[in-house]
Amino acid sequence: MKRTLFSCMFLSLMAATSLALAHPKEKPAEKPDADSKAKESEKPGESQYFKPESVTTKSSVTVEGTRVDYEAVSGTIVVHPRGWDDSAPKPDKDKDKGDDSGHNPDAEASMFYVAYFKTGAASTQRPLMFLFNGGPGSATVWLHMGAFGPRRVVTADDTHTPAAPYQVVNNDYSLLDASDLVFIDAPATGFSRIEGKDAEKAFFGVDVDAHAFGEFITAFLSKYSRWNSPKYIFGESYGTPRAAVLVNLLQDNYSVDVNGVVMLSQILNFDLSVDGAEGNPGVDLPYVVALPTYAATAWYHKKLAGTRPDKLETLLEEVEAFATGDYAKALMMGAELPASQRDAIANKLHEYTGLPVAYIQKANLRIDGGEFEKNLQDDADMTTGRLDSRFSGPTLDPLSKESEYDPQSSAISSAYVSAFNDYVRGTLKYGADKTYRPFYPAWRDWDLAHRQPGAGEGQQPCNTMPDLAVAMKQNPGLKVLLTGGYFDIATPFYEGWYEMHHLKIPASLQNNITYHYYASGHMVYAHQESLKAIHDDVASFVAATNNVKTSSVKKK
């Protein structure tokens, strides 16, 4: 049983583990559903999913005491892969399709969205934010129903949420007070679908995925006359490398500058992932950037072998210094590390993580995410959460080497999926006869090859830091907000901090990056106090960067 949920599939080009940062639990292979059977007999563009459509409803939300009236538009926009030309004659259906680059211009994706527009607001005065989750293969149900939509589902803070009925309430922290919102489901997820010859190849990959989102956003701007609105991109998890590629693509290919990018639970360089890091020997940075999160988790569960400070931040400051100092130096020495220093490092790791010294020694001072999750509470036969390490659940196999599931995913997925299915059909009046896919195993076919800006032919490692750096240099006014949770093992908060401080940008542009961290996990908003905090931080970020002279957005 694989550890998935948002496990961004840091497939680590090296093999070993396929992880998928796609939110919920990965399902085993299933028999073809009604949708896929129907597609077999349909010609491209003729299924119910490939007809551009929209349904509009009206409502209101009260955000921190202020009422916001809005229109909600649920619909689909059909996009095509690279190489498609809307003025060219369609190819012979009996012949093979595809251009010299291997892209298939005859494939298409129908991308589902829910857009919320504040009633009566002028488009040039009203910011517009595009939001998406990651996976690859996750729909955007999580940000929609847990974070910033006008309605949110209530889940237990760090334990399993009881089964239905679930409570859906007015979202006091919806971002509709600061911006219009567009929640987008990636191709093949949610109500989005793909079809045509080699459709997976046309849409499942770092670069082709970003292209689809670029096509969607520009089509949306035209459809709703929003070209002159302040524009923002919000990506969570795998949505962060997507956002890095996308913001540069929008500038470079479409001449669309973006006011700001919000990164939640960031990973731009997959070599920094602590998931399956043992499969990438010689690269020790994952263990360095993950250690502060391990210590935060041990602090939360009262597993620290050393003194437990009252304030988590006090501990983190100390651990960060050790991780980037003595620990990093010890790892770099490899086999030349003297036994005495090895013992000292092992004892310090024991102090910060609570793991037994003997186990740390046996692990060669290098403990990957799954091993930490399995062993932190092994004395109680409990597995620690991956996306949110405040969560715990019974260990499936006490003899396993690493965790085999994510307790947080199991604890909250049903609530989110059930609540959204009820909300979209009952309140938004969309999809009564359609199947909503909260996740799709896109990562199985995902192409991690990425052509970085300015790079020649050939494959580069899956590192989208250069994309964000180029975007910031070409648009010096672009601002970035990095957010994350202290208890996120999937994408440790210090990993994102490290990436941002190693962007190839002038020192002056570092001032364009703002950081906020919260006492929560990967899905920061699953903790109500953190939801309020991230709402206020993002709303303030939008107010400070929207370039509207007389902004109606209330600063927090």
Protein backbone atom coordinates (compact mmCIF):
# COMPACT_ATOMS: atom_id res chain seq x y z
CA MET A 1 0.00 0.00 0.00
CA LYS A 2 1.68 3.19 -1.13
CA ARG A 3 1.97 6.35 0.93
CA THR A 4 0.31 8.96 -1.18
CA LEU A 5 -2.16 11.73 -0.55
CA PHE A 6 -0.37 14.80 -1.66
CA SER A 7 2.76 12.76 -1.99
CA CYS A 8 3.93 14.72 -4.99
CA MET A 9 5.29 11.62 -6.59
CA PHE A 10 8.76 12.89 -6.21
CA LEU A 11 9.35 9.98 -8.41
CA SER A 12 12.93 10.91 -7.94
CA LEU A 13 14.09 10.33 -11.41
CA MET A 14 16.26 7.82 -9.67
CA ALA A 15 13.78 5.17 -9.20
CA ALA A 16 12.99 3.68 -5.90
CA THR A 17 9.77 5.26 -4.69
CA SER A 18 6.84 6.71 -6.46
CA LEU A 19 5.18 9.14 -4.11
CA ALA A 20 2.34 11.31 -5.09
CA LEU A 21 1.64 14.64 -3.44
CA ALA A 22 -1.85 14.16 -4.66
CA HIS A 23 -4.05 14.74 -1.70
CA PRO A 24 -5.99 11.72 -0.70
CA LYS A 25 -5.29 8.10 -0.41
CA GLU A 26 -4.27 6.41 -3.59
CA LYS A 27 -6.77 3.87 -4.74
CA PRO A 28 -5.78 0.52 -6.23
CA ALA A 29 -6.37 0.04 -9.93
CA GLU A 30 -10.06 -0.14 -10.62
CA LYS A 31 -12.22 -1.47 -13.41
CA PRO A 32 -13.10 1.11 -16.06
CA ASP A 33 -15.91 3.32 -14.83
CA ALA A 34 -18.91 4.44 -16.82
CA ASP A 35 -17.03 7.53 -18.04
CA SER A 36 -14.14 5.57 -19.53
CA LYS A 37 -16.45 2.98 -21.13
CA ALA A 38 -18.46 5.74 -22.72
CA LYS A 39 -15.33 7.42 -24.05
CA GLU A 40 -14.38 4.30 -25.98
CA SER A 41 -17.38 4.76 -28.25
CA GLU A 42 -17.17 8.54 -28.49
CA LYS A 43 -15.33 10.68 -30.96
CA PRO A 44 -13.12 13.49 -29.60
CA GLY A 45 -15.20 16.42 -28.44
CA GLU A 46 -18.54 14.60 -28.39
CA SER A 47 -18.76 13.47 -24.78
CA GLN A 48 -20.71 15.41 -22.18
CA TYR A 49 -17.45 16.52 -20.65
CA PHE A 50 -16.14 18.22 -23.80
CA LYS A 51 -18.83 20.80 -24.34
CA PRO A 52 -17.82 24.19 -22.90
CA GLU A 53 -20.55 25.12 -20.46
CA SER A 54 -21.29 27.15 -17.38
CA VAL A 55 -23.91 27.42 -14.65
CA THR A 56 -24.31 30.61 -12.60
CA THR A 57 -25.69 30.92 -9.08
CA LYS A 58 -25.75 33.82 -6.64
CA SER A 59 -25.11 33.92 -2.92
CA SER A 60 -23.15 35.70 -0.19
CA VAL A 61 -20.49 34.94 2.39
CA THR A 62 -19.58 36.74 5.59
CA VAL A 63 -15.80 37.10 5.94
CA GLU A 64 -14.57 38.23 9.34
CA GLY A 65 -17.81 40.12 9.91
CA THR A 66 -18.16 41.65 6.41
CA ARG A 67 -20.75 40.42 3.95
CA VAL A 68 -19.62 39.78 0.36
CA ASP A 69 -22.26 39.16 -2.33
CA TYR A 70 -21.02 37.11 -5.26
CA GLU A 71 -21.82 35.17 -8.40
CA ALA A 72 -20.52 31.61 -8.63
CA VAL A 73 -19.86 30.27 -12.12
CA SER A 74 -19.21 26.53 -12.46
CA GLY A 75 -18.10 25.41 -15.87
CA THR A 76 -15.57 23.99 -18.28
CA ILE A 77 -13.09 25.40 -20.76
CA VAL A 78 -11.62 23.13 -23.46
CA VAL A 79 -7.87 23.50 -24.03
CA HIS A 80 -5.41 21.85 -26.40
CA PRO A 81 -1.80 20.76 -26.09
CA ARG A 82 1.23 22.39 -27.66
CA GLY A 83 1.23 22.12 -31.44
CA TRP A 84 -2.50 22.68 -31.83
CA ASP A 85 -3.51 25.31 -34.36
CA ASP A 86 -7.15 26.39 -34.39
CA SER A 87 -6.79 27.69 -37.96
CA ALA A 88 -5.26 24.52 -39.40
CA PRO A 89 -7.41 21.84 -41.06
CA LYS A 90 -8.08 18.85 -38.87
CA PRO A 91 -5.88 15.83 -39.64
CA ASP A 92 -7.20 12.64 -41.18
CA LYS A 93 -8.74 10.67 -38.31
CA ASP A 94 -7.41 7.45 -39.79
CA LYS A 95 -3.79 8.61 -39.70
CA ASP A 96 -1.46 8.80 -36.76
CA LYS A 97 -1.56 12.13 -35.02
CA GLY A 98 1.18 14.15 -33.41
CA ASP A 99 3.86 16.60 -34.45
CA ASP A 100 7.64 16.27 -34.59
CA SER A 101 7.99 17.20 -30.92
CA GLY A 102 5.92 14.21 -29.87
CA HIS A 103 2.96 16.36 -28.83
CA ASN A 104 -0.48 15.46 -30.02
CA PRO A 105 -2.39 18.47 -31.37
CA ASP A 106 -5.59 16.46 -31.71
CA ALA A 107 -5.87 15.61 -28.00
CA GLU A 108 -7.83 17.95 -25.79
CA ALA A 109 -8.66 18.59 -22.17
CA SER A 110 -11.89 19.88 -20.72
CA MET A 111 -10.88 21.77 -17.57
CA PHE A 112 -13.45 22.33 -14.84
CA TYR A 113 -13.49 25.46 -12.71
CA VAL A 114 -15.58 27.27 -10.15
CA ALA A 115 -15.19 31.05 -10.27
CA TYR A 116 -16.46 33.45 -7.62
CA PHE A 117 -16.99 37.07 -8.68
CA LYS A 118 -17.83 39.79 -6.16
CA THR A 119 -21.08 41.45 -7.20
CA GLY A 120 -20.76 44.95 -8.62
CA ALA A 121 -16.94 45.14 -8.57
CA ALA A 122 -15.17 46.74 -11.53
CA SER A 123 -12.80 44.24 -13.17
CA THR A 124 -9.85 46.65 -13.27
CA GLN A 125 -10.25 47.32 -9.56
CA ARG A 126 -10.78 43.73 -8.53
CA PRO A 127 -7.89 41.23 -8.14
CA LEU A 128 -8.32 37.80 -9.70
CA MET A 129 -6.68 34.72 -8.20
CA PHE A 130 -6.27 31.32 -9.87
CA LEU A 131 -5.94 28.49 -7.35
CA PHE A 132 -5.01 24.83 -7.75
CA ASN A 133 -3.87 21.86 -5.73
CA GLY A 134 -1.22 19.47 -6.96
CA GLY A 135 -0.67 15.75 -7.01
CA PRO A 136 0.09 15.36 -9.79
CA GLY A 137 -3.43 14.06 -10.12
CA SER A 138 -5.28 15.97 -7.42
CA ALA A 139 -8.41 18.01 -7.95
CA THR A 140 -8.71 21.36 -6.19
CA VAL A 141 -11.37 20.24 -3.77
CA TRP A 142 -8.96 20.78 -0.84
CA LEU A 143 -8.28 24.49 -1.28
CA HIS A 144 -11.91 24.97 -2.32
CA MET A 145 -13.66 23.30 0.62
CA GLY A 146 -10.97 23.69 3.26
CA ALA A 147 -9.35 27.05 2.68
CA PHE A 148 -10.79 29.88 0.64
CA GLY A 149 -14.15 29.02 -0.94
CA PRO A 150 -17.28 30.64 0.56
CA ARG A 151 -18.26 27.38 2.25
CA ARG A 152 -15.92 25.05 4.10
CA VAL A 153 -16.17 21.63 5.66
CA VAL A 154 -15.42 21.28 9.36
CA THR A 155 -12.94 18.53 10.26
CA ALA A 156 -11.34 17.40 13.50
CA ASP A 157 -8.13 19.23 14.29
CA ASP A 158 -5.68 16.34 14.66
CA THR A 159 -7.84 13.21 14.88
CA HIS A 160 -10.09 11.20 12.57
CA THR A 161 -13.22 13.12 11.57
CA PRO A 162 -16.36 11.04 12.28
CA ALA A 163 -18.30 9.76 9.27
CA ALA A 164 -21.18 11.65 7.64
CA PRO A 165 -23.12 13.79 8.03
CA TYR A 166 -20.38 16.41 7.77
CA GLN A 167 -20.80 20.02 8.79
CA VAL A 168 -20.43 22.61 6.01
CA VAL A 169 -20.41 26.20 7.26
CA ASN A 170 -20.01 29.79 6.11
CA ASN A 171 -16.28 30.29 5.61
CA ASP A 172 -15.29 33.20 7.84
CA TYR A 173 -11.88 33.17 6.13
CA SER A 174 -12.79 32.96 2.45
CA LEU A 175 -10.48 35.08 0.28
CA LEU A 176 -13.48 36.65 -1.44
CA ASP A 177 -12.96 39.74 0.68
CA ALA A 178 -9.60 40.27 -1.07
CA SER A 179 -9.98 38.82 -4.55
CA ASP A 180 -12.20 37.08 -7.03
CA LEU A 181 -11.34 33.38 -7.02
CA VAL A 182 -11.02 30.70 -9.71
CA PHE A 183 -10.55 27.12 -8.46
CA ILE A 184 -9.22 24.94 -11.29
CA ASP A 185 -9.19 21.14 -11.57
CA ALA A 186 -6.17 19.82 -13.47
CA PRO A 187 -6.77 17.73 -16.61
CA ALA A 188 -8.38 14.34 -15.77
CA THR A 189 -9.16 15.34 -12.16
CA GLY A 190 -12.44 16.51 -10.65
CA PHE A 191 -14.87 17.16 -13.50
CA SER A 192 -11.94 17.77 -15.88
CA ARG A 193 -11.32 15.17 -18.57
CA ILE A 194 -8.82 14.37 -21.32
CA GLU A 195 -9.36 12.54 -24.59
CA GLY A 196 -7.80 11.91 -27.97
CA LYS A 197 -4.83 9.87 -29.14
CA ASP A 198 -2.07 9.71 -26.49
CA ALA A 199 -3.96 12.20 -24.31
CA GLU A 200 -1.91 11.23 -21.25
CA LYS A 201 1.29 12.13 -23.09
CA ALA A 202 -0.26 15.42 -24.16
CA PHE A 203 -1.20 16.55 -20.63
CA PHE A 204 0.68 14.50 -18.01
CA GLY A 205 4.06 16.09 -17.47
CA VAL A 206 5.74 19.13 -15.94
CA ASP A 207 5.81 21.20 -19.12
CA VAL A 208 2.64 20.02 -20.88
CA ASP A 209 0.65 20.46 -17.68
CA ALA A 210 1.82 24.06 -17.29
CA HIS A 211 0.93 24.69 -20.92
CA ALA A 212 -2.63 23.47 -20.32
CA PHE A 213 -2.98 25.83 -17.36
CA GLY A 214 -1.58 28.69 -19.43
CA GLU A 215 -4.15 28.00 -22.13
CA PHE A 216 -6.91 27.82 -19.54
CA ILE A 217 -5.98 31.10 -17.85
CA THR A 218 -5.73 33.09 -21.07
CA ALA A 219 -9.02 31.63 -22.31
CA PHE A 220 -10.63 32.54 -18.99
CA LEU A 221 -9.33 36.12 -19.17
CA SER A 222 -10.95 36.47 -22.59
CA LYS A 223 -14.21 34.76 -21.68
CA TYR A 224 -14.80 36.95 -18.63
CA SER A 225 -13.07 40.17 -19.83
CA ARG A 226 -10.46 40.09 -17.06
CA TRP A 227 -7.29 40.88 -19.01
CA ASN A 228 -6.80 44.16 -17.13
CA SER A 229 -7.43 42.79 -13.64
CA PRO A 230 -4.59 42.37 -11.11
CA LYS A 231 -3.68 38.68 -11.40
CA TYR A 232 -2.47 36.13 -8.85
CA ILE A 233 -1.52 32.47 -8.86
CA PHE A 234 -1.95 30.28 -5.78
CA GLY A 235 -0.42 26.79 -5.88
CA GLU A 236 -0.32 24.16 -3.17
CA SER A 237 2.08 21.18 -3.05
CA TYR A 238 2.80 20.02 -6.63
CA GLY A 239 0.90 23.18 -7.45
CA THR A 240 4.05 25.09 -6.43
CA PRO A 241 6.36 23.74 -9.17
CA ARG A 242 3.39 24.13 -11.52
CA ALA A 243 3.06 27.76 -10.41
CA ALA A 244 6.79 28.40 -10.94
CA VAL A 245 6.67 27.09 -14.52
CA LEU A 246 3.30 28.71 -15.20
CA VAL A 247 4.19 32.24 -14.08
CA ASN A 248 7.23 32.22 -16.35
CA LEU A 249 5.24 30.66 -19.19
CA LEU A 250 2.50 33.31 -18.91
CA GLN A 251 5.09 36.07 -19.16
CA ASP A 252 7.19 34.49 -21.88
CA ASN A 253 4.58 32.89 -24.17
CA TYR A 254 1.49 35.01 -23.53
CA SER A 255 2.90 38.40 -22.40
CA VAL A 256 0.84 38.21 -19.21
CA ASP A 257 2.56 39.66 -16.15
CA VAL A 258 1.34 38.43 -12.79
CA ASN A 259 1.14 40.64 -9.70
CA GLY A 260 1.89 37.89 -7.21
CA VAL A 261 2.41 34.19 -6.64
CA VAL A 262 1.43 32.41 -3.43
CA MET A 263 3.21 29.15 -2.69
CA LEU A 264 1.76 26.82 -0.06
CA SER A 265 3.81 23.77 0.98
CA GLN A 266 6.49 24.31 -1.59
CA ILE A 267 8.86 21.96 -3.40
CA LEU A 268 10.55 23.24 -6.55
CA ASN A 269 13.62 21.02 -6.54
CA PHE A 270 12.65 17.36 -6.24
CA ASP A 271 16.20 16.43 -5.19
CA LEU A 272 15.35 18.01 -1.82
CA SER A 273 12.48 15.62 -1.08
CA VAL A 274 13.07 13.49 2.01
CA ASP A 275 10.62 10.89 0.65
CA GLY A 276 12.71 8.01 -0.64
CA ALA A 277 15.90 10.05 -0.26
CA GLU A 278 17.89 6.86 0.29
CA GLY A 279 17.34 6.12 -3.39
CA ASN A 280 19.46 9.17 -4.26
CA PRO A 281 22.74 8.47 -2.42
CA GLY A 282 25.25 11.27 -2.26
CA VAL A 283 22.54 13.93 -2.01
CA ASP A 284 22.23 14.67 1.70
CA LEU A 285 20.34 17.98 1.67
CA PRO A 286 16.92 16.31 2.11
CA TYR A 287 17.94 15.13 5.58
CA VAL A 288 19.19 18.61 6.48
CA VAL A 289 16.06 20.51 5.43
CA ALA A 290 13.71 17.91 6.96
CA LEU A 291 15.30 17.85 10.43
CA PRO A 292 13.51 20.98 11.74
CA THR A 293 10.16 19.35 10.84
CA TYR A 294 11.19 16.11 12.55
CA ALA A 295 12.03 18.12 15.68
CA ALA A 296 8.74 20.05 15.51
CA THR A 297 6.88 16.75 15.27
CA ALA A 298 8.76 15.23 18.20
CA TRP A 299 8.02 18.42 20.16
CA TYR A 300 4.30 18.14 19.39
CA HIS A 301 4.10 14.48 20.46
CA LYS A 302 6.34 15.09 23.49
CA LYS A 303 8.99 12.72 22.15
CA LEU A 304 12.02 15.00 22.44
CA ALA A 305 14.84 13.32 24.33
CA GLY A 306 16.20 16.72 25.32
CA THR A 307 14.55 19.59 27.15
CA ARG A 308 11.20 20.56 25.67
CA PRO A 309 10.95 24.36 25.30
CA ASP A 310 7.56 25.98 25.75
CA LYS A 311 7.77 27.74 22.39
CA LEU A 312 8.24 25.67 19.23
CA GLU A 313 10.04 28.54 17.49
CA THR A 314 12.78 28.46 20.13
CA LEU A 315 13.48 24.82 19.34
CA LEU A 316 13.36 25.36 15.58
CA GLU A 317 15.93 28.14 15.68
CA GLU A 318 18.32 25.82 17.50
CA VAL A 319 17.68 22.84 15.22
CA GLU A 320 18.07 24.88 12.03
CA ALA A 321 21.51 26.01 13.20
CA PHE A 322 22.54 22.43 13.97
CA ALA A 323 21.08 21.05 10.74
CA THR A 324 22.93 23.50 8.49
CA GLY A 325 26.07 23.39 10.63
CA ASP A 326 27.42 20.31 12.37
CA TYR A 327 24.88 17.90 10.86
CA ALA A 328 25.43 19.03 7.27
CA LYS A 329 29.22 18.88 7.70
CA ALA A 330 29.01 15.38 9.15
CA LEU A 331 26.90 14.12 6.26
CA MET A 332 29.28 15.64 3.73
CA MET A 333 32.20 13.72 5.25
CA GLY A 334 30.53 10.42 4.44
CA ALA A 335 32.71 7.42 5.28
CA GLU A 336 35.50 9.69 6.55
CA LEU A 337 33.42 10.85 9.51
CA PRO A 338 35.33 9.85 12.69
CA ALA A 339 33.51 7.48 15.05
CA SER A 340 33.54 10.02 17.87
CA GLN A 341 31.83 12.66 15.71
CA ARG A 342 29.41 10.08 14.40
CA ASP A 343 28.40 9.24 17.98
CA ALA A 344 28.02 12.91 18.85
CA ILE A 345 25.78 13.57 15.84
CA ALA A 346 23.69 10.47 16.57
CA ASN A 347 23.13 11.61 20.14
CA LYS A 348 22.14 15.09 19.00
CA LEU A 349 19.67 13.62 16.50
CA HIS A 350 18.27 11.48 19.30
CA GLU A 351 17.82 14.63 21.38
CA TYR A 352 15.93 16.42 18.61
CA THR A 353 13.87 13.53 17.23
CA GLY A 354 13.44 11.08 20.11
CA LEU A 355 14.47 8.19 17.87
CA PRO A 356 16.78 5.62 19.52
CA VAL A 357 20.51 6.26 19.10
CA ALA A 358 21.03 2.69 17.89
CA TYR A 359 18.39 3.16 15.18
CA ILE A 360 19.95 6.44 14.07
CA GLN A 361 23.36 4.78 13.87
CA LYS A 362 21.97 1.87 11.88
CA ALA A 363 20.33 4.38 9.49
CA ASN A 364 23.75 5.97 8.92
CA LEU A 365 22.45 9.25 10.40
CA ARG A 366 20.02 9.51 7.49
CA ILE A 367 16.32 8.94 8.19
CA ASP A 368 13.86 9.48 5.37
CA GLY A 369 10.28 10.62 5.81
CA GLY A 370 8.58 7.23 5.82
CA GLU A 371 11.05 5.83 8.35
CA PHE A 372 10.52 8.75 10.71
CA GLU A 373 6.73 8.48 10.45
CA LYS A 374 6.82 4.75 11.20
CA ASN A 375 9.28 4.89 14.10
CA LEU A 376 8.55 8.07 16.07
CA GLN A 377 5.64 6.49 17.97
CA ASP A 378 6.59 2.86 17.35
CA ASP A 379 6.44 2.10 21.07
CA ALA A 380 2.66 2.64 20.88
CA ASP A 381 2.24 0.92 17.49
CA MET A 382 1.17 4.27 16.06
CA THR A 383 2.13 5.81 12.71
CA THR A 384 2.72 9.55 12.51
CA GLY A 385 1.07 11.62 9.79
CA ARG A 386 3.00 12.66 6.68
CA LEU A 387 1.02 15.62 5.41
CA ASP A 388 0.32 16.73 8.94
CA SER A 389 2.45 15.09 11.59
CA ARG A 390 0.10 16.20 14.36
CA PHE A 391 -2.08 13.29 13.23
CA SER A 392 -1.47 9.67 14.25
CA GLY A 393 -3.08 6.36 13.37
CA PRO A 394 -2.63 2.67 14.18
CA THR A 395 0.32 1.13 12.39
CA LEU A 396 -0.79 -1.25 9.65
CA ASP A 397 2.23 -3.54 9.92
CA PRO A 398 4.36 -3.24 13.08
CA LEU A 399 7.22 -5.00 11.25
CA SER A 400 7.32 -2.62 8.29
CA LYS A 401 10.34 -0.42 7.65
CA GLU A 402 8.36 2.75 6.97
CA SER A 403 4.82 4.07 7.18
CA GLU A 404 2.33 2.50 4.79
CA TYR A 405 -0.39 5.16 4.82
CA ASP A 406 -0.98 8.72 5.88
CA PRO A 407 -3.21 9.08 8.95
CA GLN A 408 -4.25 12.62 8.01
CA SER A 409 -5.39 11.53 4.57
CA SER A 410 -7.48 8.78 6.09
CA ALA A 411 -8.82 11.18 8.72
CA ILE A 412 -10.20 13.96 6.50
CA SER A 413 -10.52 12.81 2.87
CA SER A 414 -14.08 11.54 3.16
CA ALA A 415 -15.25 14.80 4.69
CA TYR A 416 -13.80 16.93 1.88
CA VAL A 417 -14.94 14.70 -0.96
CA SER A 418 -18.44 14.13 0.42
CA ALA A 419 -18.95 17.80 1.27
CA PHE A 420 -17.85 18.99 -2.16
CA ASN A 421 -19.98 16.48 -4.05
CA ASP A 422 -23.00 17.64 -2.06
CA TYR A 423 -22.13 21.33 -2.43
CA VAL A 424 -21.38 21.37 -6.17
CA ARG A 425 -24.55 19.51 -7.08
CA GLY A 426 -26.90 21.03 -4.51
CA THR A 427 -25.69 24.64 -4.17
CA LEU A 428 -23.78 25.29 -7.40
CA LYS A 429 -26.26 23.25 -9.49
CA TYR A 430 -23.52 21.56 -11.51
CA GLY A 431 -22.61 17.97 -12.32
CA ALA A 432 -25.75 16.09 -11.36
CA ASP A 433 -25.07 13.41 -13.97
CA LYS A 434 -21.26 13.49 -13.85
CA THR A 435 -18.57 11.76 -11.80
CA TYR A 436 -16.20 13.88 -9.72
CA ARG A 437 -12.67 12.48 -9.40
CA PRO A 438 -10.90 13.96 -6.35
CA PHE A 439 -7.75 12.25 -7.52
CA TYR A 440 -6.55 10.53 -10.68
CA PRO A 441 -3.38 8.38 -10.94
CA ALA A 442 -1.74 10.82 -13.37
CA TRP A 443 1.60 10.38 -11.62
CA ARG A 444 1.89 6.88 -13.09
CA ASP A 445 2.38 8.44 -16.55
CA TRP A 446 3.86 11.76 -15.42
CA ASP A 447 6.82 13.05 -17.42
CA LEU A 448 9.22 14.69 -14.97
CA ALA A 449 11.52 15.90 -17.74
CA HIS A 450 11.54 19.69 -17.71
CA ARG A 451 13.15 22.15 -20.08
CA GLN A 452 14.35 25.02 -17.93
CA PRO A 453 14.31 28.57 -19.33
CA GLY A 454 17.21 29.12 -21.71
CA ALA A 455 18.20 25.46 -21.71
CA GLY A 456 18.93 23.61 -24.92
CA GLU A 457 17.68 20.24 -26.03
CA GLY A 458 17.77 17.29 -23.67
CA GLN A 459 16.39 16.60 -20.24
CA GLN A 460 17.10 18.64 -17.16
CA PRO A 461 16.36 17.49 -13.60
CA CYS A 462 12.91 18.31 -12.28
CA ASN A 463 13.87 21.60 -10.69
CA THR A 464 11.63 24.58 -11.38
CA MET A 465 13.65 27.08 -9.34
CA PRO A 466 15.11 28.55 -12.57
CA ASP A 467 11.61 29.22 -13.90
CA LEU A 468 10.64 31.28 -10.88
CA ALA A 469 14.00 33.07 -10.92
CA VAL A 470 13.67 34.03 -14.59
CA ALA A 471 10.10 35.22 -14.05
CA MET A 472 11.22 37.43 -11.15
CA LYS A 473 14.10 38.89 -13.15
CA GLN A 474 12.00 39.61 -16.23
CA ASN A 475 9.24 41.10 -14.08
CA PRO A 476 11.03 42.80 -11.15
CA GLY A 477 7.67 43.82 -9.73
CA LEU A 478 6.55 40.21 -9.25
CA LYS A 479 6.03 39.42 -5.57
CA VAL A 480 6.08 35.96 -3.99
CA LEU A 481 4.50 34.81 -0.73
CA LEU A 482 5.82 31.52 0.63
CA THR A 483 3.65 29.78 3.23
CA GLY A 484 3.95 26.44 4.96
CA GLY A 485 3.27 24.37 8.04
CA TYR A 486 5.78 23.36 10.70
CA PHE A 487 4.29 19.85 10.82
CA ASP A 488 4.52 19.02 7.10
CA ILE A 489 6.84 16.08 6.37
CA ALA A 490 5.78 15.84 2.70
CA THR A 491 7.24 19.27 1.90
CA PRO A 492 9.17 20.44 4.99
CA PHE A 493 8.90 24.18 5.60
CA TYR A 494 12.67 24.66 5.75
CA GLU A 495 12.98 23.08 2.32
CA GLY A 496 11.00 25.94 0.79
CA TRP A 497 13.04 28.48 2.73
CA TYR A 498 16.23 26.89 1.43
CA GLU A 499 14.99 26.95 -2.18
CA MET A 500 14.02 30.61 -2.06
CA HIS A 501 17.39 31.57 -0.62
CA HIS A 502 19.14 29.75 -3.45
CA LEU A 503 17.25 31.28 -6.37
CA LYS A 504 19.56 32.76 -9.00
CA ILE A 505 18.25 36.30 -8.57
CA PRO A 506 19.88 39.61 -7.59
CA ALA A 507 20.02 40.22 -3.85
CA SER A 508 17.57 43.10 -4.26
CA LEU A 509 14.86 40.73 -5.57
CA GLN A 510 15.04 38.67 -2.37
CA ASN A 511 13.05 41.56 -0.89
CA ASN A 512 10.17 40.53 -3.19
CA ILE A 513 9.73 37.30 -1.22
CA THR A 514 7.71 37.16 2.01
CA TYR A 515 7.55 34.17 4.38
CA HIS A 516 4.83 32.99 6.77
CA TYR A 517 4.74 29.69 8.65
CA TYR A 518 2.03 28.17 10.80
CA ALA A 519 1.50 25.57 13.53
CA SER A 520 -0.14 23.21 11.08
CA GLY A 521 0.74 20.74 8.35
CA HIS A 522 0.76 20.48 4.55
CA MET A 523 -2.86 21.62 4.41
CA VAL A 524 -2.26 24.61 6.66
CA TYR A 525 -5.96 25.47 6.57
CA ALA A 526 -6.96 22.18 8.25
CA HIS A 527 -6.11 23.93 11.53
CA GLN A 528 -8.63 26.72 12.13
CA GLU A 529 -6.26 29.19 13.81
CA SER A 530 -3.82 28.72 10.95
CA LEU A 531 -6.63 29.17 8.41
CA LYS A 532 -7.38 32.60 9.87
CA ALA A 533 -3.69 33.48 9.87
CA ILE A 534 -3.05 32.43 6.27
CA HIS A 535 -6.21 34.22 5.13
CA ASP A 536 -5.04 37.44 6.74
CA ASP A 537 -1.52 37.05 5.34
CA VAL A 538 -2.70 36.36 1.77
CA ALA A 539 -5.30 39.16 1.91
CA SER A 540 -2.62 41.60 3.06
CA PHE A 541 -0.29 40.37 0.32
CA VAL A 542 -2.96 41.02 -2.32
CA ALA A 543 -3.78 44.46 -0.91
CA ALA A 544 -0.10 45.44 -0.97
CA THR A 545 0.61 44.23 -4.53
CA ASN A 546 -2.54 44.75 -6.62
CA ASN A 547 -1.46 48.17 -7.98
CA VAL A 548 -4.99 49.52 -7.55
CA LYS A 549 -4.72 53.14 -6.44
CA THR A 550 -7.93 53.10 -4.42
CA SER A 551 -8.23 49.55 -3.16
CA SER A 552 -11.44 48.32 -1.64
CA VAL A 553 -9.53 45.51 0.00
CA LYS A 554 -9.30 45.98 3.71
CA LYS A 555 -5.76 45.51 4.98
CA LYS A 556 -5.38 43.15 7.88
